[in-house]
Amino acid sequence: MIEITEEGLSQMLQERGIKSTAMRILVLRQLATSNQTLTLRELEELLHPADRSTIFRTLSVFEEQHLVHAIDDGSGATRYELCHAHHSSYDNDLHPHFRCLRCGQTICLTELQMPAITLPEGFHVHRINYIVTGICGNCTKREEI
């Protein structure tokens, strides 16, 4: 678990070779404290009046340095989440994600392991995207009431 202080977040950026700026600290704090993945639009709303293009550039730097990974959950909007592990050439913080068809949330299932995938010789993994869709526990409970 990272320390959610300005110093802790700055250290996390430094460890990934990313220069610490006020906007990068703000975006990183938002991702680190969120209990779900976030879209660019959601980050823009949470960080208002921050400029959308600045947030996008920040996310791009974070993704290039394997600080966040982008998730295509089938909703049409890229979602971002903080990586808890990284490799120099690809994201190895591998876990499935669950997209609720009712509320639209995409939730990390970090407690579950990804199924093993053996690629043919000469193939190299750069990203794995494993999405489970259905109805989340919160929406199921609301239906039962």
Foldseek 3Di string as FASTA:
>chain_A
DFDLDLVRQCVVCVVLVHHDDPLLNLLSSVQVPDQFWAFLVRSVVVPPPDDSVVNVVSVVVCVLSLQWDWACQPPPTITIHGQPDQDNQARPLDFAWEAEPPPGTIGTPSVDDDDDDDDPPPDDDHDDYHYHYYHDPVRVVVVVD
